[in-house]
Amino acid sequence: MTVGQASGFAYRVRKNGDVEISHHGRQATVLRGQAASAFVVQASRCAPEDAQQLMARATGNYKRSNERLASRHARNRA
């Protein structure tokens, strides 16, 4: 079962209970055991937009509020 592709994240529950999270079609992470169970419960209770946020947090790919600061850094200036 693949769910929620609005922001590029999708997840699929494997037969063995693991949860595979992908971003734009590429595998980002696999949750196993208790983490997988907790994720499925949370994702089933929330809206698809919120599920996108859950998947982003599970993969570590979410905003950290430093984007503006990083754009001013010397290495990021052209």
PDB file of N, CA and C in Angstrom:
ATOM      1  N   MET A   1       0.851  -1.172   0.000  1.00  0.00           N
ATOM      2  CA  MET A   1       0.000   0.000   0.000  1.00  0.00           C
ATOM      3  C   MET A   1       0.895   1.234   0.000  1.00  0.00           C
ATOM      4  N   THR A   2       0.717   2.121  -0.943  1.00  0.00           N
ATOM      5  CA  THR A   2       1.458   3.368  -1.018  1.00  0.00           C
ATOM      6  C   THR A   2       0.503   4.507  -0.715  1.00  0.00           C
ATOM      7  N   VAL A   3       0.947   5.407   0.166  1.00  0.00           N
ATOM      8  CA  VAL A   3       0.056   6.462   0.646  1.00  0.00           C
ATOM      9  C   VAL A   3       0.776   7.796   0.610  1.00  0.00           C
ATOM     10  N   GLY A   4       0.047   8.878   0.298  1.00  0.00           N
ATOM     11  CA  GLY A   4       0.506  10.252   0.467  1.00  0.00           C
ATOM     12  C   GLY A   4       1.706  10.667  -0.342  1.00  0.00           C
ATOM     13  N   GLN A   5       1.514  11.133  -1.552  1.00  0.00           N
ATOM     14  CA  GLN A   5       2.631  11.555  -2.370  1.00  0.00           C
ATOM     15  C   GLN A   5       2.595  13.051  -2.681  1.00  0.00           C
ATOM     16  N   ALA A   6       1.853  13.853  -1.915  1.00  0.00           N
ATOM     17  CA  ALA A   6       1.690  15.276  -2.196  1.00  0.00           C
ATOM     18  C   ALA A   6       3.007  16.036  -2.154  1.00  0.00           C
ATOM     19  N   SER A   7       3.859  15.778  -1.167  1.00  0.00           N
ATOM     20  CA  SER A   7       5.133  16.483  -1.033  1.00  0.00           C
ATOM     21  C   SER A   7       6.314  15.618  -1.422  1.00  0.00           C
ATOM     22  N   GLY A   8       6.055  14.544  -2.098  1.00  0.00           N
ATOM     23  CA  GLY A   8       7.136  13.692  -2.550  1.00  0.00           C
ATOM     24  C   GLY A   8       7.405  12.496  -1.668  1.00  0.00           C
ATOM     25  N   PHE A   9       6.846  12.437  -0.478  1.00  0.00           N
ATOM     26  CA  PHE A   9       7.041  11.297   0.399  1.00  0.00           C
ATOM     27  C   PHE A   9       5.920  10.299   0.203  1.00  0.00           C
ATOM     28  N   ALA A  10       6.254   9.045   0.323  1.00  0.00           N
ATOM     29  CA  ALA A  10       5.269   7.973   0.283  1.00  0.00           C
ATOM     30  C   ALA A  10       5.773   6.868   1.200  1.00  0.00           C
ATOM     31  N   TYR A  11       4.843   6.100   1.742  1.00  0.00           N
ATOM     32  CA  TYR A  11       5.265   4.960   2.544  1.00  0.00           C
ATOM     33  C   TYR A  11       4.489   3.733   2.132  1.00  0.00           C
ATOM     34  N   ARG A  12       5.115   2.598   2.419  1.00  0.00           N
ATOM     35  CA  ARG A  12       4.495   1.333   2.090  1.00  0.00           C
ATOM     36  C   ARG A  12       4.814   0.371   3.218  1.00  0.00           C
ATOM     37  N   VAL A  13       3.792  -0.359   3.642  1.00  0.00           N
ATOM     38  CA  VAL A  13       3.953  -1.349   4.707  1.00  0.00           C
ATOM     39  C   VAL A  13       4.273  -2.688   4.052  1.00  0.00           C
ATOM     40  N   ARG A  14       5.398  -3.259   4.423  1.00  0.00           N
ATOM     41  CA  ARG A  14       5.806  -4.547   3.875  1.00  0.00           C
ATOM     42  C   ARG A  14       5.060  -5.681   4.579  1.00  0.00           C
ATOM     43  N   LYS A  15       5.115  -6.871   4.006  1.00  0.00           N
ATOM     44  CA  LYS A  15       4.438  -8.034   4.594  1.00  0.00           C
ATOM     45  C   LYS A  15       4.925  -8.343   6.004  1.00  0.00           C
ATOM     46  N   ASN A  16       6.208  -8.092   6.266  1.00  0.00           N
ATOM     47  CA  ASN A  16       6.771  -8.413   7.573  1.00  0.00           C
ATOM     48  C   ASN A  16       6.540  -7.308   8.610  1.00  0.00           C
ATOM     49  N   GLY A  17       5.835  -6.230   8.232  1.00  0.00           N
ATOM     50  CA  GLY A  17       5.521  -5.160   9.171  1.00  0.00           C
ATOM     51  C   GLY A  17       6.446  -3.960   9.095  1.00  0.00           C
ATOM     52  N   ASP A  18       7.545  -4.074   8.357  1.00  0.00           N
ATOM     53  CA  ASP A  18       8.444  -2.931   8.181  1.00  0.00           C
ATOM     54  C   ASP A  18       7.749  -1.862   7.350  1.00  0.00           C
ATOM     55  N   VAL A  19       8.154  -0.612   7.549  1.00  0.00           N
ATOM     56  CA  VAL A  19       7.595   0.500   6.782  1.00  0.00           C
ATOM     57  C   VAL A  19       8.721   1.114   5.958  1.00  0.00           C
ATOM     58  N   GLU A  20       8.537   1.114   4.656  1.00  0.00           N
ATOM     59  CA  GLU A  20       9.520   1.705   3.739  1.00  0.00           C
ATOM     60  C   GLU A  20       9.028   3.094   3.363  1.00  0.00           C
ATOM     61  N   ILE A  21       9.848   4.103   3.644  1.00  0.00           N
ATOM     62  CA  ILE A  21       9.508   5.486   3.297  1.00  0.00           C
ATOM     63  C   ILE A  21      10.378   5.901   2.126  1.00  0.00           C
ATOM     64  N   SER A  22       9.722   6.410   1.077  1.00  0.00           N
ATOM     65  CA  SER A  22      10.457   6.859  -0.100  1.00  0.00           C
ATOM     66  C   SER A  22      10.185   8.339  -0.343  1.00  0.00           C
ATOM     67  N   HIS A  23      11.124   8.977  -1.009  1.00  0.00           N
ATOM     68  CA  HIS A  23      11.011  10.392  -1.357  1.00  0.00           C
ATOM     69  C   HIS A  23      11.260  10.514  -2.848  1.00  0.00           C
ATOM     70  N   HIS A  24      10.243  10.959  -3.573  1.00  0.00           N
ATOM     71  CA  HIS A  24      10.292  11.066  -5.033  1.00  0.00           C
ATOM     72  C   HIS A  24      10.722   9.752  -5.680  1.00  0.00           C
ATOM     73  N   GLY A  25      10.164   8.641  -5.155  1.00  0.00           N
ATOM     74  CA  GLY A  25      10.401   7.343  -5.757  1.00  0.00           C
ATOM     75  C   GLY A  25      11.660   6.621  -5.322  1.00  0.00           C
ATOM     76  N   ARG A  26      12.499   7.263  -4.508  1.00  0.00           N
ATOM     77  CA  ARG A  26      13.731   6.630  -4.047  1.00  0.00           C
ATOM     78  C   ARG A  26      13.618   6.330  -2.568  1.00  0.00           C
ATOM     79  N   GLN A  27      14.050   5.151  -2.180  1.00  0.00           N
ATOM     80  CA  GLN A  27      13.955   4.752  -0.779  1.00  0.00           C
ATOM     81  C   GLN A  27      14.773   5.687   0.099  1.00  0.00           C
ATOM     82  N   ALA A  28      14.127   6.246   1.120  1.00  0.00           N
ATOM     83  CA  ALA A  28      14.804   7.146   2.038  1.00  0.00           C
ATOM     84  C   ALA A  28      15.178   6.447   3.341  1.00  0.00           C
ATOM     85  N   THR A  29      14.274   5.621   3.867  1.00  0.00           N
ATOM     86  CA  THR A  29      14.549   4.903   5.103  1.00  0.00           C
ATOM     87  C   THR A  29      13.578   3.750   5.260  1.00  0.00           C
ATOM     88  N   VAL A  30      13.917   2.849   6.172  1.00  0.00           N
ATOM     89  CA  VAL A  30      13.045   1.732   6.522  1.00  0.00           C
ATOM     90  C   VAL A  30      12.890   1.729   8.037  1.00  0.00           C
ATOM     91  N   LEU A  31      11.656   1.731   8.491  1.00  0.00           N
ATOM     92  CA  LEU A  31      11.368   1.653   9.917  1.00  0.00           C
ATOM     93  C   LEU A  31      11.014   0.215  10.246  1.00  0.00           C
ATOM     94  N   ARG A  32      11.553  -0.265  11.357  1.00  0.00           N
ATOM     95  CA  ARG A  32      11.301  -1.648  11.766  1.00  0.00           C
ATOM     96  C   ARG A  32      10.807  -1.699  13.196  1.00  0.00           C
ATOM     97  N   GLY A  33      10.135  -2.772  13.522  1.00  0.00           N
ATOM     98  CA  GLY A  33       9.726  -3.040  14.890  1.00  0.00           C
ATOM     99  C   GLY A  33       8.746  -2.027  15.452  1.00  0.00           C
ATOM    100  N   GLN A  34       9.046  -1.585  16.675  1.00  0.00           N
ATOM    101  CA  GLN A  34       8.156  -0.676  17.383  1.00  0.00           C
ATOM    102  C   GLN A  34       8.041   0.676  16.678  1.00  0.00           C
ATOM    103  N   ALA A  35       9.116   1.153  16.084  1.00  0.00           N
ATOM    104  CA  ALA A  35       9.067   2.427  15.357  1.00  0.00           C
ATOM    105  C   ALA A  35       8.116   2.341  14.171  1.00  0.00           C
ATOM    106  N   ALA A  36       8.128   1.217  13.484  1.00  0.00           N
ATOM    107  CA  ALA A  36       7.227   1.023  12.338  1.00  0.00           C
ATOM    108  C   ALA A  36       5.783   0.976  12.797  1.00  0.00           C
ATOM    109  N   SER A  37       5.520   0.251  13.871  1.00  0.00           N
ATOM    110  CA  SER A  37       4.154   0.152  14.393  1.00  0.00           C
ATOM    111  C   SER A  37       3.625   1.507  14.825  1.00  0.00           C
ATOM    112  N   ALA A  38       4.455   2.264  15.536  1.00  0.00           N
ATOM    113  CA  ALA A  38       4.051   3.589  16.003  1.00  0.00           C
ATOM    114  C   ALA A  38       3.792   4.522  14.824  1.00  0.00           C
ATOM    115  N   PHE A  39       4.629   4.441  13.791  1.00  0.00           N
ATOM    116  CA  PHE A  39       4.450   5.287  12.617  1.00  0.00           C
ATOM    117  C   PHE A  39       3.129   4.994  11.918  1.00  0.00           C
ATOM    118  N   VAL A  40       2.812   3.717  11.739  1.00  0.00           N
ATOM    119  CA  VAL A  40       1.574   3.337  11.052  1.00  0.00           C
ATOM    120  C   VAL A  40       0.360   3.841  11.826  1.00  0.00           C
ATOM    121  N   VAL A  41       0.392   3.728  13.137  1.00  0.00           N
ATOM    122  CA  VAL A  41      -0.722   4.210  13.957  1.00  0.00           C
ATOM    123  C   VAL A  41      -0.876   5.721  13.806  1.00  0.00           C
ATOM    124  N   GLN A  42       0.235   6.462  13.900  1.00  0.00           N
ATOM    125  CA  GLN A  42       0.178   7.923  13.775  1.00  0.00           C
ATOM    126  C   GLN A  42      -0.272   8.339  12.382  1.00  0.00           C
ATOM    127  N   ALA A  43       0.250   7.693  11.359  1.00  0.00           N
ATOM    128  CA  ALA A  43      -0.086   8.062   9.979  1.00  0.00           C
ATOM    129  C   ALA A  43      -1.548   7.765   9.659  1.00  0.00           C
ATOM    130  N   SER A  44      -2.094   6.707  10.248  1.00  0.00           N
ATOM    131  CA  SER A  44      -3.485   6.371   9.965  1.00  0.00           C
ATOM    132  C   SER A  44      -4.460   7.318  10.659  1.00  0.00           C
ATOM    133  N   ARG A  45      -4.007   7.977  11.701  1.00  0.00           N
ATOM    134  CA  ARG A  45      -4.872   8.893  12.456  1.00  0.00           C
ATOM    135  C   ARG A  45      -4.846  10.323  11.949  1.00  0.00           C
ATOM    136  N   CYS A  46      -3.927  10.665  11.070  1.00  0.00           N
ATOM    137  CA  CYS A  46      -3.784  12.068  10.664  1.00  0.00           C
ATOM    138  C   CYS A  46      -4.143  12.269   9.190  1.00  0.00           C
ATOM    139  N   ALA A  47      -4.246  13.530   8.823  1.00  0.00           N
ATOM    140  CA  ALA A  47      -4.530  13.918   7.441  1.00  0.00           C
ATOM    141  C   ALA A  47      -3.305  13.636   6.565  1.00  0.00           C
ATOM    142  N   PRO A  48      -3.496  13.501   5.256  1.00  0.00           N
ATOM    143  CA  PRO A  48      -2.361  13.237   4.367  1.00  0.00           C
ATOM    144  C   PRO A  48      -1.247  14.286   4.456  1.00  0.00           C
ATOM    145  N   GLU A  49      -1.615  15.562   4.656  1.00  0.00           N
ATOM    146  CA  GLU A  49      -0.593  16.614   4.778  1.00  0.00           C
ATOM    147  C   GLU A  49       0.253  16.391   6.024  1.00  0.00           C
ATOM    148  N   ASP A  50      -0.399  15.975   7.107  1.00  0.00           N
ATOM    149  CA  ASP A  50       0.331  15.712   8.340  1.00  0.00           C
ATOM    150  C   ASP A  50       1.175  14.450   8.211  1.00  0.00           C
ATOM    151  N   ALA A  51       0.713  13.485   7.439  1.00  0.00           N
ATOM    152  CA  ALA A  51       1.492  12.273   7.206  1.00  0.00           C
ATOM    153  C   ALA A  51       2.785  12.617   6.464  1.00  0.00           C
ATOM    154  N   GLN A  52       2.723  13.596   5.568  1.00  0.00           N
ATOM    155  CA  GLN A  52       3.929  14.043   4.883  1.00  0.00           C
ATOM    156  C   GLN A  52       4.951  14.556   5.891  1.00  0.00           C
ATOM    157  N   GLN A  53       4.493  15.317   6.871  1.00  0.00           N
ATOM    158  CA  GLN A  53       5.381  15.838   7.914  1.00  0.00           C
ATOM    159  C   GLN A  53       5.958  14.690   8.748  1.00  0.00           C
ATOM    160  N   LEU A  54       5.148  13.713   9.070  1.00  0.00           N
ATOM    161  CA  LEU A  54       5.631  12.548   9.819  1.00  0.00           C
ATOM    162  C   LEU A  54       6.738  11.827   9.056  1.00  0.00           C
ATOM    163  N   MET A  55       6.528  11.648   7.755  1.00  0.00           N
ATOM    164  CA  MET A  55       7.534  10.963   6.938  1.00  0.00           C
ATOM    165  C   MET A  55       8.811  11.786   6.843  1.00  0.00           C
ATOM    166  N   ALA A  56       8.676  13.091   6.719  1.00  0.00           N
ATOM    167  CA  ALA A  56       9.853  13.955   6.662  1.00  0.00           C
ATOM    168  C   ALA A  56      10.645  13.860   7.961  1.00  0.00           C
ATOM    169  N   ARG A  57       9.938  13.865   9.070  1.00  0.00           N
ATOM    170  CA  ARG A  57      10.612  13.757  10.365  1.00  0.00           C
ATOM    171  C   ARG A  57      11.260  12.386  10.538  1.00  0.00           C
ATOM    172  N   ALA A  58      10.627  11.342  10.063  1.00  0.00           N
ATOM    173  CA  ALA A  58      11.180   9.993  10.191  1.00  0.00           C
ATOM    174  C   ALA A  58      12.474   9.851   9.393  1.00  0.00           C
ATOM    175  N   THR A  59      12.577  10.562   8.272  1.00  0.00           N
ATOM    176  CA  THR A  59      13.780  10.473   7.439  1.00  0.00           C
ATOM    177  C   THR A  59      14.822  11.520   7.818  1.00  0.00           C
ATOM    178  N   GLY A  60      14.444  12.485   8.651  1.00  0.00           N
ATOM    179  CA  GLY A  60      15.366  13.558   9.001  1.00  0.00           C
ATOM    180  C   GLY A  60      15.395  14.652   7.962  1.00  0.00           C
ATOM    181  N   ASN A  61      14.492  14.597   6.995  1.00  0.00           N
ATOM    182  CA  ASN A  61      14.464  15.569   5.913  1.00  0.00           C
ATOM    183  C   ASN A  61      13.332  16.561   6.146  1.00  0.00           C
ATOM    184  N   TYR A  62      13.576  17.513   7.009  1.00  0.00           N
ATOM    185  CA  TYR A  62      12.588  18.537   7.274  1.00  0.00           C
ATOM    186  C   TYR A  62      13.302  19.832   7.634  1.00  0.00           C
ATOM    187  N   LYS A  63      12.597  20.934   7.581  1.00  0.00           N
ATOM    188  CA  LYS A  63      13.203  22.240   7.818  1.00  0.00           C
ATOM    189  C   LYS A  63      13.690  22.353   9.255  1.00  0.00           C
ATOM    190  N   ARG A  64      14.840  22.947   9.411  1.00  0.00           N
ATOM    191  CA  ARG A  64      15.445  23.098  10.720  1.00  0.00           C
ATOM    192  C   ARG A  64      15.519  24.564  11.143  1.00  0.00           C
ATOM    193  N   SER A  65      14.825  25.424  10.419  1.00  0.00           N
ATOM    194  CA  SER A  65      14.758  26.860  10.708  1.00  0.00           C
ATOM    195  C   SER A  65      16.091  27.573  10.550  1.00  0.00           C
ATOM    196  N   ASN A  66      17.006  27.010   9.795  1.00  0.00           N
ATOM    197  CA  ASN A  66      18.282  27.685   9.577  1.00  0.00           C
ATOM    198  C   ASN A  66      18.509  27.999   8.097  1.00  0.00           C
ATOM    199  N   GLU A  67      17.468  27.879   7.283  1.00  0.00           N
ATOM    200  CA  GLU A  67      17.648  28.074   5.857  1.00  0.00           C
ATOM    201  C   GLU A  67      18.090  29.497   5.514  1.00  0.00           C
ATOM    202  N   ARG A  68      17.490  30.483   6.168  1.00  0.00           N
ATOM    203  CA  ARG A  68      17.837  31.865   5.890  1.00  0.00           C
ATOM    204  C   ARG A  68      19.276  32.143   6.317  1.00  0.00           C
ATOM    205  N   LEU A  69      19.658  31.659   7.491  1.00  0.00           N
ATOM    206  CA  LEU A  69      21.010  31.839   7.998  1.00  0.00           C
ATOM    207  C   LEU A  69      22.025  31.181   7.072  1.00  0.00           C
ATOM    208  N   ALA A  70      21.737  29.975   6.604  1.00  0.00           N
ATOM    209  CA  ALA A  70      22.663  29.250   5.736  1.00  0.00           C
ATOM    210  C   ALA A  70      22.840  29.951   4.396  1.00  0.00           C
ATOM    211  N   SER A  71      21.808  30.616   3.907  1.00  0.00           N
ATOM    212  CA  SER A  71      21.932  31.283   2.612  1.00  0.00           C
ATOM    213  C   SER A  71      22.870  32.484   2.683  1.00  0.00           C
ATOM    214  N   ARG A  72      23.100  32.996   3.866  1.00  0.00           N
ATOM    215  CA  ARG A  72      24.017  34.135   4.031  1.00  0.00           C
ATOM    216  C   ARG A  72      25.465  33.708   4.218  1.00  0.00           C
ATOM    217  N   HIS A  73      25.696  32.426   4.409  1.00  0.00           N
ATOM    218  CA  HIS A  73      27.046  31.930   4.659  1.00  0.00           C
ATOM    219  C   HIS A  73      27.906  32.119   3.400  1.00  0.00           C
ATOM    220  N   ALA A  74      29.183  32.384   3.582  1.00  0.00           N
ATOM    221  CA  ALA A  74      30.101  32.671   2.479  1.00  0.00           C
ATOM    222  C   ALA A  74      30.164  31.544   1.452  1.00  0.00           C
ATOM    223  N   ARG A  75      30.122  30.305   1.888  1.00  0.00           N
ATOM    224  CA  ARG A  75      30.232  29.203   0.936  1.00  0.00           C
ATOM    225  C   ARG A  75      29.009  29.068   0.047  1.00  0.00           C
ATOM    226  N   ASN A  76      27.876  29.679   0.442  1.00  0.00           N
ATOM    227  CA  ASN A  76      26.654  29.589  -0.341  1.00  0.00           C
ATOM    228  C   ASN A  76      26.409  30.798  -1.225  1.00  0.00           C
ATOM    229  N   ARG A  77      27.328  31.739  -1.211  1.00  0.00           N
ATOM    230  CA  ARG A  77      27.191  32.922  -2.077  1.00  0.00           C
ATOM    231  C   ARG A  77      27.872  32.641  -3.403  1.00  0.00           C
ATOM    232  N   ALA A  78      27.292  33.117  -4.437  1.00  0.00           N
ATOM    233  CA  ALA A  78      27.867  32.870  -5.771  1.00  0.00           C
ATOM    234  C   ALA A  78      28.808  33.973  -6.188  1.00  0.00           C
TER     235      ALA A  78
END
